[in-house]
Amino acid sequence: MDVKYILKEARYYKKITGLSRAIKKFLFTQTFFSNFVNGKIYQRFYQNAINKKSKKIKPRILQIENTNLCNAKCIMCPHVVMKREKKLMSFEDFKKIVDNVLNSYDIKRITMNGFGEPFVDKGVIDKIKYINEKYPHVKIDIYTNASILTPDLSEKLLKAKVDRITFSINGTKKNYKKIMGLEYDNTKKNVLYFHKRRREMNHPVLTNLSVMILDENKDDVQEFVKFWEPIADSVRAYVPSDWAGGVKNIIQIPPFKHNKRWPCFVLWSNITVDVNGNMVMCCRDYESKVSFGNLLKQDIKEIRNSEDFKKLLRKQLKFDFKTPVCDSCDNILESSIDLVC
């Protein structure tokens, strides 16, 4: 990895998380310090940190699934095996959920993604505008495969206030269709048009291009980065998740060791809501197996103060991960760094 690339990524994450936190995460995940994170000294330090910080942390991110319909057939995504009903969230339900959460917590960022393609929802621009108008201080993130991000939709999106867009591309021309079931040239054209108009409008939206490293594309990752790095603000290549053990038949992830588990920061910092309005455990719970309540029927504070949810947090602080989704989650190092940095 060259210095120019590292500096560009540092600038990007400075805007997202703050430079100090970005540096800590880089040191603890990408250098020899990662060995320290897995050691006994860090475990003792971490346990002391979470006991103090867990009492102060309030939710700051709302992740809302405006749809779980998707036009792609990605081989590494649980959508291909997901059994729950696929639908759109109505505009009225969306407003009710957003108001419910933001009237109770000082949410900093709303992420519009889940187990669907956000732009399948024809009302997504109206939902973004609702947040813009009623909660102008809140940042908005969108994750998309960009295959249906037409020029007309790009224009509407750029006129709305969106702070960050992640384009999930996952391949080059030679392997993209096999991985995602979509046409590469169409997606490439859409992403290039969006960036062209962003430059012309001098729009502040940040863009990230992501690729999951798979057997099908591992030899082309450098080509992917080389092409997109001059265009986007950030380009990320990473190993896919096994979605809490739910899709091991699709991708193979080495089993992690339970003695290196830590309480998960996401449970304190994020509120994750599925397309039916259920507050689920986190973004790994693609079948909504663990739901603590429904935001269309209950107040968010009632749900988060419920005995079931508080019991989960207590178990986490005792390093007890025998809970559906948590017991087989592979997203362990990232969460531990988040809570102490």
C-alpha atoms as a PDB file:
ATOM      1  CA  MET A   1       0.000   0.000   0.000  1.00  0.00           C
ATOM      2  CA  ASP A   2       1.620   3.287  -1.091  1.00  0.00           C
ATOM      3  CA  VAL A   3       1.877   6.467   0.970  1.00  0.00           C
ATOM      4  CA  LYS A   4      -0.356   8.460  -1.386  1.00  0.00           C
ATOM      5  CA  TYR A   5      -3.174   5.947  -0.914  1.00  0.00           C
ATOM      6  CA  ILE A   6      -2.770   5.927   2.897  1.00  0.00           C
ATOM      7  CA  LEU A   7      -2.878   9.730   3.057  1.00  0.00           C
ATOM      8  CA  LYS A   8      -6.008   9.845   0.931  1.00  0.00           C
ATOM      9  CA  GLU A   9      -7.734   7.283   3.148  1.00  0.00           C
ATOM     10  CA  ALA A  10      -6.653   9.269   6.227  1.00  0.00           C
ATOM     11  CA  ARG A  11      -8.289  12.422   4.830  1.00  0.00           C
ATOM     12  CA  TYR A  12     -11.477  10.500   4.135  1.00  0.00           C
ATOM     13  CA  TYR A  13     -11.714   9.001   7.633  1.00  0.00           C
ATOM     14  CA  LYS A  14     -10.813  12.293   9.242  1.00  0.00           C
ATOM     15  CA  LYS A  15     -14.067  13.642   7.772  1.00  0.00           C
ATOM     16  CA  ILE A  16     -16.044  10.584   8.908  1.00  0.00           C
ATOM     17  CA  THR A  17     -14.739   9.772  12.381  1.00  0.00           C
ATOM     18  CA  GLY A  18     -12.158  12.397  13.296  1.00  0.00           C
ATOM     19  CA  LEU A  19      -8.438  12.026  12.684  1.00  0.00           C
ATOM     20  CA  SER A  20      -7.443  10.866  16.175  1.00  0.00           C
ATOM     21  CA  ARG A  21      -9.897   7.968  16.157  1.00  0.00           C
ATOM     22  CA  ALA A  22      -9.008   7.067  12.579  1.00  0.00           C
ATOM     23  CA  ILE A  23      -5.295   6.839  13.474  1.00  0.00           C
ATOM     24  CA  LYS A  24      -6.025   4.620  16.476  1.00  0.00           C
ATOM     25  CA  LYS A  25      -8.146   2.265  14.415  1.00  0.00           C
ATOM     26  CA  PHE A  26      -5.476   2.056  11.728  1.00  0.00           C
ATOM     27  CA  LEU A  27      -2.715   1.306  14.261  1.00  0.00           C
ATOM     28  CA  PHE A  28      -4.762  -1.323  16.098  1.00  0.00           C
ATOM     29  CA  THR A  29      -5.999  -3.124  12.981  1.00  0.00           C
ATOM     30  CA  GLN A  30      -3.386  -2.712  10.236  1.00  0.00           C
ATOM     31  CA  THR A  31      -0.046  -2.901  12.098  1.00  0.00           C
ATOM     32  CA  PHE A  32       1.783  -5.136  14.590  1.00  0.00           C
ATOM     33  CA  PHE A  33      -0.280  -3.448  17.339  1.00  0.00           C
ATOM     34  CA  SER A  34      -3.106  -5.815  16.373  1.00  0.00           C
ATOM     35  CA  ASN A  35      -1.188  -8.486  18.321  1.00  0.00           C
ATOM     36  CA  PHE A  36      -1.345  -6.224  21.364  1.00  0.00           C
ATOM     37  CA  VAL A  37      -5.143  -5.962  20.952  1.00  0.00           C
ATOM     38  CA  ASN A  38      -5.387  -9.732  21.298  1.00  0.00           C
ATOM     39  CA  GLY A  39      -3.260  -9.814  24.456  1.00  0.00           C
ATOM     40  CA  LYS A  40      -4.116  -9.957  28.154  1.00  0.00           C
ATOM     41  CA  ILE A  41      -2.979  -6.395  28.930  1.00  0.00           C
ATOM     42  CA  TYR A  42      -5.363  -4.948  26.368  1.00  0.00           C
ATOM     43  CA  GLN A  43      -8.176  -7.162  27.642  1.00  0.00           C
ATOM     44  CA  ARG A  44      -7.757  -5.740  31.136  1.00  0.00           C
ATOM     45  CA  PHE A  45      -7.581  -2.184  29.776  1.00  0.00           C
ATOM     46  CA  TYR A  46     -10.605  -2.800  27.559  1.00  0.00           C
ATOM     47  CA  GLN A  47     -12.716  -4.237  30.368  1.00  0.00           C
ATOM     48  CA  ASN A  48     -12.052  -1.180  32.525  1.00  0.00           C
ATOM     49  CA  ALA A  49     -12.857   1.113  29.584  1.00  0.00           C
ATOM     50  CA  ILE A  50     -16.187  -0.491  28.727  1.00  0.00           C
ATOM     51  CA  ASN A  51     -17.366  -0.545  32.329  1.00  0.00           C
ATOM     52  CA  LYS A  52     -16.940   3.243  32.402  1.00  0.00           C
ATOM     53  CA  LYS A  53     -17.966   4.134  28.849  1.00  0.00           C
ATOM     54  CA  SER A  54     -20.981   1.854  28.603  1.00  0.00           C
ATOM     55  CA  LYS A  55     -22.758   3.947  31.231  1.00  0.00           C
ATOM     56  CA  LYS A  56     -22.288   7.139  29.215  1.00  0.00           C
ATOM     57  CA  ILE A  57     -22.769   6.040  25.613  1.00  0.00           C
ATOM     58  CA  LYS A  58     -26.037   7.052  23.971  1.00  0.00           C
ATOM     59  CA  PRO A  59     -27.216   5.970  20.514  1.00  0.00           C
ATOM     60  CA  ARG A  60     -25.786   8.179  17.775  1.00  0.00           C
ATOM     61  CA  ILE A  61     -26.559   6.200  14.602  1.00  0.00           C
ATOM     62  CA  LEU A  62     -29.939   5.107  13.265  1.00  0.00           C
ATOM     63  CA  GLN A  63     -29.737   2.397  10.623  1.00  0.00           C
ATOM     64  CA  ILE A  64     -33.060   2.037   8.860  1.00  0.00           C
ATOM     65  CA  GLU A  65     -33.987  -0.509   6.215  1.00  0.00           C
ATOM     66  CA  ASN A  66     -36.219   1.437   3.811  1.00  0.00           C
ATOM     67  CA  THR A  67     -36.544  -1.753   1.752  1.00  0.00           C
ATOM     68  CA  ASN A  68     -35.269  -5.320   1.769  1.00  0.00           C
ATOM     69  CA  LEU A  69     -35.979  -5.777  -1.929  1.00  0.00           C
ATOM     70  CA  CYS A  70     -32.890  -6.064  -4.097  1.00  0.00           C
ATOM     71  CA  ASN A  71     -32.240  -6.322  -7.835  1.00  0.00           C
ATOM     72  CA  ALA A  72     -28.817  -7.973  -7.393  1.00  0.00           C
ATOM     73  CA  LYS A  73     -27.954 -11.601  -6.681  1.00  0.00           C
ATOM     74  CA  CYS A  74     -24.621 -11.239  -4.889  1.00  0.00           C
ATOM     75  CA  ILE A  75     -23.045 -14.589  -4.102  1.00  0.00           C
ATOM     76  CA  MET A  76     -21.667 -13.398  -0.748  1.00  0.00           C
ATOM     77  CA  CYS A  77     -24.851 -11.722   0.504  1.00  0.00           C
ATOM     78  CA  PRO A  78     -27.432 -13.385   2.790  1.00  0.00           C
ATOM     79  CA  HIS A  79     -30.216 -11.856   0.702  1.00  0.00           C
ATOM     80  CA  VAL A  80     -30.045 -14.907  -1.551  1.00  0.00           C
ATOM     81  CA  VAL A  81     -31.057 -17.144   1.378  1.00  0.00           C
ATOM     82  CA  MET A  82     -33.134 -14.668   3.411  1.00  0.00           C
ATOM     83  CA  LYS A  83     -36.624 -16.004   4.157  1.00  0.00           C
ATOM     84  CA  ARG A  84     -38.385 -13.004   5.719  1.00  0.00           C
ATOM     85  CA  GLU A  85     -40.976 -11.111   3.686  1.00  0.00           C
ATOM     86  CA  LYS A  86     -39.505  -8.707   1.109  1.00  0.00           C
ATOM     87  CA  LYS A  87     -41.228  -5.332   0.903  1.00  0.00           C
ATOM     88  CA  LEU A  88     -40.931  -1.535   0.909  1.00  0.00           C
ATOM     89  CA  MET A  89     -41.282   0.642   4.003  1.00  0.00           C
ATOM     90  CA  SER A  90     -44.072   3.174   3.489  1.00  0.00           C
ATOM     91  CA  PHE A  91     -43.345   6.894   3.725  1.00  0.00           C
ATOM     92  CA  GLU A  92     -45.666   7.203   6.750  1.00  0.00           C
ATOM     93  CA  ASP A  93     -43.919   4.355   8.584  1.00  0.00           C
ATOM     94  CA  PHE A  94     -40.524   5.833   7.743  1.00  0.00           C
ATOM     95  CA  LYS A  95     -41.507   9.229   9.185  1.00  0.00           C
ATOM     96  CA  LYS A  96     -42.974   7.636  12.306  1.00  0.00           C
ATOM     97  CA  ILE A  97     -39.794   5.637  12.986  1.00  0.00           C
ATOM     98  CA  VAL A  98     -37.441   8.568  12.349  1.00  0.00           C
ATOM     99  CA  ASP A  99     -39.502  10.878  14.580  1.00  0.00           C
ATOM    100  CA  ASN A 100     -39.742   8.237  17.294  1.00  0.00           C
ATOM    101  CA  VAL A 101     -35.959   7.882  17.496  1.00  0.00           C
ATOM    102  CA  LEU A 102     -34.861  11.489  16.906  1.00  0.00           C
ATOM    103  CA  ASN A 103     -37.310  12.896  19.426  1.00  0.00           C
ATOM    104  CA  SER A 104     -35.643  10.752  22.085  1.00  0.00           C
ATOM    105  CA  TYR A 105     -31.951  10.615  21.162  1.00  0.00           C
ATOM    106  CA  ASP A 106     -29.352  12.987  19.735  1.00  0.00           C
ATOM    107  CA  ILE A 107     -28.779  10.972  16.573  1.00  0.00           C
ATOM    108  CA  LYS A 108     -25.825  12.197  14.492  1.00  0.00           C
ATOM    109  CA  ARG A 109     -26.184   9.979  11.429  1.00  0.00           C
ATOM    110  CA  ILE A 110     -28.917   8.039   9.648  1.00  0.00           C
ATOM    111  CA  THR A 111     -27.787   5.131   7.487  1.00  0.00           C
ATOM    112  CA  MET A 112     -30.292   4.068   4.865  1.00  0.00           C
ATOM    113  CA  ASN A 113     -29.396   0.487   4.179  1.00  0.00           C
ATOM    114  CA  GLY A 114     -30.176  -3.023   5.253  1.00  0.00           C
ATOM    115  CA  PHE A 115     -30.658  -6.153   3.206  1.00  0.00           C
ATOM    116  CA  GLY A 116     -31.963  -4.457   0.088  1.00  0.00           C
ATOM    117  CA  GLU A 117     -31.045  -1.929  -2.585  1.00  0.00           C
ATOM    118  CA  PRO A 118     -32.225   1.502  -1.326  1.00  0.00           C
ATOM    119  CA  PHE A 119     -33.024   2.812  -4.806  1.00  0.00           C
ATOM    120  CA  VAL A 120     -35.511   0.020  -5.517  1.00  0.00           C
ATOM    121  CA  ASP A 121     -37.673   2.209  -3.279  1.00  0.00           C
ATOM    122  CA  LYS A 122     -39.148   4.882  -5.600  1.00  0.00           C
ATOM    123  CA  GLY A 123     -39.879   7.037  -2.567  1.00  0.00           C
ATOM    124  CA  VAL A 124     -36.327   7.122  -1.258  1.00  0.00           C
ATOM    125  CA  ILE A 125     -35.695  10.738  -2.347  1.00  0.00           C
ATOM    126  CA  ASP A 126     -38.811  11.917  -0.481  1.00  0.00           C
ATOM    127  CA  LYS A 127     -37.567  10.085   2.617  1.00  0.00           C
ATOM    128  CA  ILE A 128     -34.175  11.774   2.348  1.00  0.00           C
ATOM    129  CA  LYS A 129     -35.841  15.169   1.913  1.00  0.00           C
ATOM    130  CA  TYR A 130     -37.937  14.545   5.019  1.00  0.00           C
ATOM    131  CA  ILE A 131     -34.784  14.090   7.087  1.00  0.00           C
ATOM    132  CA  ASN A 132     -33.180  17.131   5.400  1.00  0.00           C
ATOM    133  CA  GLU A 133     -36.105  19.396   6.209  1.00  0.00           C
ATOM    134  CA  LYS A 134     -37.013  18.254   9.716  1.00  0.00           C
ATOM    135  CA  TYR A 135     -33.563  17.255  11.015  1.00  0.00           C
ATOM    136  CA  PRO A 136     -31.034  19.293   8.968  1.00  0.00           C
ATOM    137  CA  HIS A 137     -28.202  18.602  11.441  1.00  0.00           C
ATOM    138  CA  VAL A 138     -28.339  14.834  10.854  1.00  0.00           C
ATOM    139  CA  LYS A 139     -25.920  13.293   8.357  1.00  0.00           C
ATOM    140  CA  ILE A 140     -27.227  10.731   5.871  1.00  0.00           C
ATOM    141  CA  ASP A 141     -25.374   7.675   4.524  1.00  0.00           C
ATOM    142  CA  ILE A 142     -26.538   5.425   1.684  1.00  0.00           C
ATOM    143  CA  TYR A 143     -25.145   2.081   0.535  1.00  0.00           C
ATOM    144  CA  THR A 144     -25.999   1.123  -3.043  1.00  0.00           C
ATOM    145  CA  ASN A 145     -24.961  -1.184  -5.875  1.00  0.00           C
ATOM    146  CA  ALA A 146     -25.584   1.798  -8.217  1.00  0.00           C
ATOM    147  CA  SER A 147     -27.083  -0.373 -10.953  1.00  0.00           C
ATOM    148  CA  ILE A 148     -30.323   1.635 -10.972  1.00  0.00           C
ATOM    149  CA  LEU A 149     -28.756   4.990 -10.046  1.00  0.00           C
ATOM    150  CA  THR A 150     -29.774   6.583 -13.340  1.00  0.00           C
ATOM    151  CA  PRO A 151     -28.611  10.090 -14.342  1.00  0.00           C
ATOM    152  CA  ASP A 152     -32.043  11.452 -13.398  1.00  0.00           C
ATOM    153  CA  LEU A 153     -31.864   9.810  -9.966  1.00  0.00           C
ATOM    154  CA  SER A 154     -28.295  11.072  -9.497  1.00  0.00           C
ATOM    155  CA  GLU A 155     -29.479  14.635 -10.161  1.00  0.00           C
ATOM    156  CA  LYS A 156     -32.248  14.299  -7.571  1.00  0.00           C
ATOM    157  CA  LEU A 157     -29.887  12.744  -5.057  1.00  0.00           C
ATOM    158  CA  LEU A 158     -27.295  15.484  -5.476  1.00  0.00           C
ATOM    159  CA  LYS A 159     -29.938  18.155  -4.988  1.00  0.00           C
ATOM    160  CA  ALA A 160     -30.912  16.501  -1.720  1.00  0.00           C
ATOM    161  CA  LYS A 161     -28.538  16.565   1.243  1.00  0.00           C
ATOM    162  CA  VAL A 162     -26.644  13.281   1.440  1.00  0.00           C
ATOM    163  CA  ASP A 163     -23.311  13.185   3.239  1.00  0.00           C
ATOM    164  CA  ARG A 164     -21.816   9.853   2.167  1.00  0.00           C
ATOM    165  CA  ILE A 165     -22.521   7.215  -0.463  1.00  0.00           C
ATOM    166  CA  THR A 166     -20.873   3.814  -0.576  1.00  0.00           C
ATOM    167  CA  PHE A 167     -20.947   2.127  -3.977  1.00  0.00           C
ATOM    168  CA  SER A 168     -20.715  -1.636  -3.566  1.00  0.00           C
ATOM    169  CA  ILE A 169     -19.165  -2.790  -6.848  1.00  0.00           C
ATOM    170  CA  ASN A 170     -17.296  -5.999  -5.893  1.00  0.00           C
ATOM    171  CA  GLY A 171     -15.589  -6.745  -9.166  1.00  0.00           C
ATOM    172  CA  THR A 172     -14.227  -5.778 -12.550  1.00  0.00           C
ATOM    173  CA  LYS A 173     -15.750  -6.368 -15.955  1.00  0.00           C
ATOM    174  CA  LYS A 174     -14.447  -9.940 -16.136  1.00  0.00           C
ATOM    175  CA  ASN A 175     -16.096 -11.160 -12.893  1.00  0.00           C
ATOM    176  CA  TYR A 176     -18.725  -8.575 -11.861  1.00  0.00           C
ATOM    177  CA  LYS A 177     -21.755 -10.303 -13.415  1.00  0.00           C
ATOM    178  CA  LYS A 178     -20.799 -13.647 -11.886  1.00  0.00           C
ATOM    179  CA  ILE A 179     -20.495 -12.069  -8.428  1.00  0.00           C
ATOM    180  CA  MET A 180     -23.449  -9.655  -8.449  1.00  0.00           C
ATOM    181  CA  GLY A 181     -25.717 -10.823 -11.252  1.00  0.00           C
ATOM    182  CA  LEU A 182     -25.716  -7.340 -12.815  1.00  0.00           C
ATOM    183  CA  GLU A 183     -24.247  -5.666 -15.911  1.00  0.00           C
ATOM    184  CA  TYR A 184     -20.867  -4.049 -15.217  1.00  0.00           C
ATOM    185  CA  ASP A 185     -20.929  -1.443 -17.998  1.00  0.00           C
ATOM    186  CA  ASN A 186     -24.262  -0.054 -16.793  1.00  0.00           C
ATOM    187  CA  THR A 187     -23.116   0.214 -13.164  1.00  0.00           C
ATOM    188  CA  LYS A 188     -19.775   1.746 -14.159  1.00  0.00           C
ATOM    189  CA  LYS A 189     -21.560   4.346 -16.310  1.00  0.00           C
ATOM    190  CA  ASN A 190     -23.868   5.291 -13.424  1.00  0.00           C
ATOM    191  CA  VAL A 191     -21.041   5.690 -10.905  1.00  0.00           C
ATOM    192  CA  LEU A 192     -18.907   7.736 -13.308  1.00  0.00           C
ATOM    193  CA  TYR A 193     -21.865  10.013 -14.102  1.00  0.00           C
ATOM    194  CA  PHE A 194     -22.519  10.597 -10.398  1.00  0.00           C
ATOM    195  CA  HIS A 195     -18.888  11.585  -9.809  1.00  0.00           C
ATOM    196  CA  LYS A 196     -18.845  13.804 -12.898  1.00  0.00           C
ATOM    197  CA  ARG A 197     -21.905  15.747 -11.710  1.00  0.00           C
ATOM    198  CA  ARG A 198     -20.546  15.885  -8.168  1.00  0.00           C
ATOM    199  CA  ARG A 199     -17.411  17.622  -9.457  1.00  0.00           C
ATOM    200  CA  GLU A 200     -19.388  20.012 -11.666  1.00  0.00           C
ATOM    201  CA  MET A 201     -21.666  20.970  -8.771  1.00  0.00           C
ATOM    202  CA  ASN A 202     -18.801  21.043  -6.263  1.00  0.00           C
ATOM    203  CA  HIS A 203     -21.032  18.894  -4.056  1.00  0.00           C
ATOM    204  CA  PRO A 204     -19.563  17.956  -0.632  1.00  0.00           C
ATOM    205  CA  VAL A 205     -20.944  14.381  -0.586  1.00  0.00           C
ATOM    206  CA  LEU A 206     -18.223  11.828   0.192  1.00  0.00           C
ATOM    207  CA  THR A 207     -17.988   8.679  -1.918  1.00  0.00           C
ATOM    208  CA  ASN A 208     -16.580   5.269  -1.131  1.00  0.00           C
ATOM    209  CA  LEU A 209     -16.068   2.379  -3.560  1.00  0.00           C
ATOM    210  CA  SER A 210     -16.026  -1.038  -1.910  1.00  0.00           C
ATOM    211  CA  VAL A 211     -15.021  -4.494  -3.078  1.00  0.00           C
ATOM    212  CA  MET A 212     -15.290  -7.728  -1.102  1.00  0.00           C
ATOM    213  CA  ILE A 213     -12.313 -10.002  -1.696  1.00  0.00           C
ATOM    214  CA  LEU A 214     -13.567 -13.342  -2.999  1.00  0.00           C
ATOM    215  CA  ASP A 215     -12.059 -16.280  -4.852  1.00  0.00           C
ATOM    216  CA  GLU A 216     -13.784 -14.946  -7.961  1.00  0.00           C
ATOM    217  CA  ASN A 217     -12.087 -11.521  -7.875  1.00  0.00           C
ATOM    218  CA  LYS A 218      -9.003 -11.787  -5.640  1.00  0.00           C
ATOM    219  CA  ASP A 219      -6.613 -11.530  -8.585  1.00  0.00           C
ATOM    220  CA  ASP A 220      -8.267  -8.314  -9.794  1.00  0.00           C
ATOM    221  CA  VAL A 221      -8.434  -6.268  -6.586  1.00  0.00           C
ATOM    222  CA  GLN A 222      -5.379  -4.181  -7.505  1.00  0.00           C
ATOM    223  CA  GLU A 223      -6.932  -3.418 -10.886  1.00  0.00           C
ATOM    224  CA  PHE A 224     -10.150  -2.384  -9.122  1.00  0.00           C
ATOM    225  CA  VAL A 225      -8.319  -0.047  -6.723  1.00  0.00           C
ATOM    226  CA  LYS A 226      -6.155   1.421  -9.490  1.00  0.00           C
ATOM    227  CA  PHE A 227      -9.180   2.333 -11.609  1.00  0.00           C
ATOM    228  CA  TRP A 228     -11.457   3.753  -8.885  1.00  0.00           C
ATOM    229  CA  GLU A 229      -8.921   5.327  -6.513  1.00  0.00           C
ATOM    230  CA  PRO A 230      -8.488   8.556  -8.555  1.00  0.00           C
ATOM    231  CA  ILE A 231     -12.278   8.947  -8.831  1.00  0.00           C
ATOM    232  CA  ALA A 232     -13.722   8.273  -5.367  1.00  0.00           C
ATOM    233  CA  ASP A 233     -12.785   9.720  -1.972  1.00  0.00           C
ATOM    234  CA  SER A 234     -12.066   6.242  -0.638  1.00  0.00           C
ATOM    235  CA  VAL A 235     -11.644   2.740  -2.028  1.00  0.00           C
ATOM    236  CA  ARG A 236     -12.003  -0.192   0.362  1.00  0.00           C
ATOM    237  CA  ALA A 237     -11.134  -3.841  -0.229  1.00  0.00           C
ATOM    238  CA  TYR A 238     -12.105  -6.187   2.572  1.00  0.00           C
ATOM    239  CA  VAL A 239     -12.890  -9.780   3.477  1.00  0.00           C
ATOM    240  CA  PRO A 240     -16.657 -10.493   3.542  1.00  0.00           C
ATOM    241  CA  SER A 241     -18.558 -11.269   6.711  1.00  0.00           C
ATOM    242  CA  ASP A 242     -20.185 -14.645   7.262  1.00  0.00           C
ATOM    243  CA  TRP A 243     -23.247 -12.760   8.565  1.00  0.00           C
ATOM    244  CA  ALA A 244     -23.090 -14.221  12.060  1.00  0.00           C
ATOM    245  CA  GLY A 245     -22.611 -17.745  10.790  1.00  0.00           C
ATOM    246  CA  GLY A 246     -25.716 -17.663   8.663  1.00  0.00           C
ATOM    247  CA  VAL A 247     -24.179 -18.048   5.207  1.00  0.00           C
ATOM    248  CA  LYS A 248     -21.258 -20.424   5.661  1.00  0.00           C
ATOM    249  CA  ASN A 249     -22.494 -22.375   2.665  1.00  0.00           C
ATOM    250  CA  ILE A 250     -21.855 -19.296   0.503  1.00  0.00           C
ATOM    251  CA  ILE A 251     -18.475 -18.094   1.757  1.00  0.00           C
ATOM    252  CA  GLN A 252     -15.935 -19.671   4.048  1.00  0.00           C
ATOM    253  CA  ILE A 253     -14.593 -17.614   6.955  1.00  0.00           C
ATOM    254  CA  PRO A 254     -12.137 -19.199   9.407  1.00  0.00           C
ATOM    255  CA  PRO A 255     -13.926 -19.713  12.754  1.00  0.00           C
ATOM    256  CA  PHE A 256     -12.850 -17.128  15.322  1.00  0.00           C
ATOM    257  CA  LYS A 257     -11.809 -17.959  18.857  1.00  0.00           C
ATOM    258  CA  HIS A 258     -14.249 -17.045  21.603  1.00  0.00           C
ATOM    259  CA  ASN A 259     -11.460 -16.161  24.017  1.00  0.00           C
ATOM    260  CA  LYS A 260     -10.813 -13.050  21.925  1.00  0.00           C
ATOM    261  CA  ARG A 261     -14.347 -11.686  22.112  1.00  0.00           C
ATOM    262  CA  TRP A 262     -15.288  -8.305  23.549  1.00  0.00           C
ATOM    263  CA  PRO A 263     -18.600  -6.541  24.149  1.00  0.00           C
ATOM    264  CA  CYS A 264     -19.920  -5.042  20.925  1.00  0.00           C
ATOM    265  CA  PHE A 265     -19.985  -1.263  20.642  1.00  0.00           C
ATOM    266  CA  VAL A 266     -22.836  -1.368  18.121  1.00  0.00           C
ATOM    267  CA  LEU A 267     -25.358  -2.406  20.765  1.00  0.00           C
ATOM    268  CA  TRP A 268     -24.795   0.887  22.585  1.00  0.00           C
ATOM    269  CA  SER A 269     -24.188   3.280  19.696  1.00  0.00           C
ATOM    270  CA  ASN A 270     -26.571   2.064  16.971  1.00  0.00           C
ATOM    271  CA  ILE A 271     -30.303   1.617  16.635  1.00  0.00           C
ATOM    272  CA  THR A 272     -31.022  -0.860  13.845  1.00  0.00           C
ATOM    273  CA  VAL A 273     -34.551  -1.006  12.440  1.00  0.00           C
ATOM    274  CA  ASP A 274     -35.785  -3.477   9.840  1.00  0.00           C
ATOM    275  CA  VAL A 275     -38.349  -2.831   7.099  1.00  0.00           C
ATOM    276  CA  ASN A 276     -41.225  -3.834   9.436  1.00  0.00           C
ATOM    277  CA  GLY A 277     -40.178  -1.360  12.129  1.00  0.00           C
ATOM    278  CA  ASN A 278     -38.602  -3.927  14.454  1.00  0.00           C
ATOM    279  CA  MET A 279     -35.577  -2.852  16.489  1.00  0.00           C
ATOM    280  CA  VAL A 280     -33.246  -5.755  15.840  1.00  0.00           C
ATOM    281  CA  MET A 281     -29.890  -6.526  17.391  1.00  0.00           C
ATOM    282  CA  CYS A 282     -27.665  -5.232  14.601  1.00  0.00           C
ATOM    283  CA  CYS A 283     -26.986  -5.232  10.861  1.00  0.00           C
ATOM    284  CA  ARG A 284     -25.765  -8.849  10.990  1.00  0.00           C
ATOM    285  CA  ASP A 285     -29.243 -10.127  11.869  1.00  0.00           C
ATOM    286  CA  TYR A 286     -30.520 -10.561   8.318  1.00  0.00           C
ATOM    287  CA  GLU A 287     -33.538 -12.676   9.351  1.00  0.00           C
ATOM    288  CA  SER A 288     -34.480 -10.329  12.225  1.00  0.00           C
ATOM    289  CA  LYS A 289     -34.146 -13.264  14.608  1.00  0.00           C
ATOM    290  CA  VAL A 290     -33.689 -11.071  17.675  1.00  0.00           C
ATOM    291  CA  SER A 291     -36.224  -8.241  17.958  1.00  0.00           C
ATOM    292  CA  PHE A 292     -36.697  -6.168  21.109  1.00  0.00           C
ATOM    293  CA  GLY A 293     -39.811  -4.272  20.055  1.00  0.00           C
ATOM    294  CA  ASN A 294     -41.496  -2.413  17.222  1.00  0.00           C
ATOM    295  CA  LEU A 295     -41.040   1.324  16.702  1.00  0.00           C
ATOM    296  CA  LEU A 296     -44.395   1.650  14.963  1.00  0.00           C
ATOM    297  CA  LYS A 297     -46.082   0.523  18.173  1.00  0.00           C
ATOM    298  CA  GLN A 298     -43.672   1.413  21.000  1.00  0.00           C
ATOM    299  CA  ASP A 299     -41.512   4.326  22.088  1.00  0.00           C
ATOM    300  CA  ILE A 300     -37.799   3.767  21.424  1.00  0.00           C
ATOM    301  CA  LYS A 301     -36.865   4.454  25.040  1.00  0.00           C
ATOM    302  CA  GLU A 302     -39.413   1.898  26.202  1.00  0.00           C
ATOM    303  CA  ILE A 303     -37.717  -0.661  23.956  1.00  0.00           C
ATOM    304  CA  ARG A 304     -34.138   0.179  24.942  1.00  0.00           C
ATOM    305  CA  ASN A 305     -35.068   0.264  28.626  1.00  0.00           C
ATOM    306  CA  SER A 306     -36.852  -3.080  28.416  1.00  0.00           C
ATOM    307  CA  GLU A 307     -35.562  -5.909  30.559  1.00  0.00           C
ATOM    308  CA  ASP A 308     -34.756  -8.028  27.491  1.00  0.00           C
ATOM    309  CA  PHE A 309     -32.486  -5.378  25.996  1.00  0.00           C
ATOM    310  CA  LYS A 310     -30.812  -4.479  29.294  1.00  0.00           C
ATOM    311  CA  LYS A 311     -30.218  -8.175  29.926  1.00  0.00           C
ATOM    312  CA  LEU A 312     -28.373  -8.418  26.606  1.00  0.00           C
ATOM    313  CA  LEU A 313     -26.132  -5.477  27.536  1.00  0.00           C
ATOM    314  CA  ARG A 314     -25.395  -6.987  30.956  1.00  0.00           C
ATOM    315  CA  LYS A 315     -24.441 -10.287  29.322  1.00  0.00           C
ATOM    316  CA  GLN A 316     -22.105  -8.458  26.940  1.00  0.00           C
ATOM    317  CA  LEU A 317     -20.372  -6.659  29.802  1.00  0.00           C
ATOM    318  CA  LYS A 318     -19.848 -10.026  31.496  1.00  0.00           C
ATOM    319  CA  PHE A 319     -18.310 -11.372  28.256  1.00  0.00           C
ATOM    320  CA  ASP A 320     -21.235 -13.742  27.833  1.00  0.00           C
ATOM    321  CA  PHE A 321     -21.964 -14.024  24.105  1.00  0.00           C
ATOM    322  CA  LYS A 322     -24.358 -16.969  24.174  1.00  0.00           C
ATOM    323  CA  THR A 323     -27.017 -15.076  22.285  1.00  0.00           C
ATOM    324  CA  PRO A 324     -28.367 -15.688  18.774  1.00  0.00           C
ATOM    325  CA  VAL A 325     -26.360 -13.647  16.228  1.00  0.00           C
ATOM    326  CA  CYS A 326     -23.702 -12.644  18.813  1.00  0.00           C
ATOM    327  CA  ASP A 327     -22.565 -16.213  19.437  1.00  0.00           C
ATOM    328  CA  SER A 328     -21.318 -16.657  15.877  1.00  0.00           C
ATOM    329  CA  CYS A 329     -20.482 -13.095  14.809  1.00  0.00           C
ATOM    330  CA  ASP A 330     -17.097 -12.554  13.142  1.00  0.00           C
ATOM    331  CA  ASN A 331     -17.057  -8.745  13.545  1.00  0.00           C
ATOM    332  CA  ILE A 332     -15.117  -8.738  16.802  1.00  0.00           C
ATOM    333  CA  LEU A 333     -11.921  -6.694  16.441  1.00  0.00           C
ATOM    334  CA  GLU A 334     -13.634  -3.707  14.815  1.00  0.00           C
ATOM    335  CA  SER A 335     -16.232  -3.467  17.576  1.00  0.00           C
ATOM    336  CA  SER A 336     -13.673  -3.617  20.358  1.00  0.00           C
ATOM    337  CA  ILE A 337     -11.621  -0.801  18.837  1.00  0.00           C
ATOM    338  CA  ASP A 338     -14.750   1.336  18.388  1.00  0.00           C
ATOM    339  CA  LEU A 339     -15.655   1.252  22.049  1.00  0.00           C
ATOM    340  CA  VAL A 340     -12.300   2.351  23.447  1.00  0.00           C
ATOM    341  CA  CYS A 341     -11.095   4.764  20.724  1.00  0.00           C
END
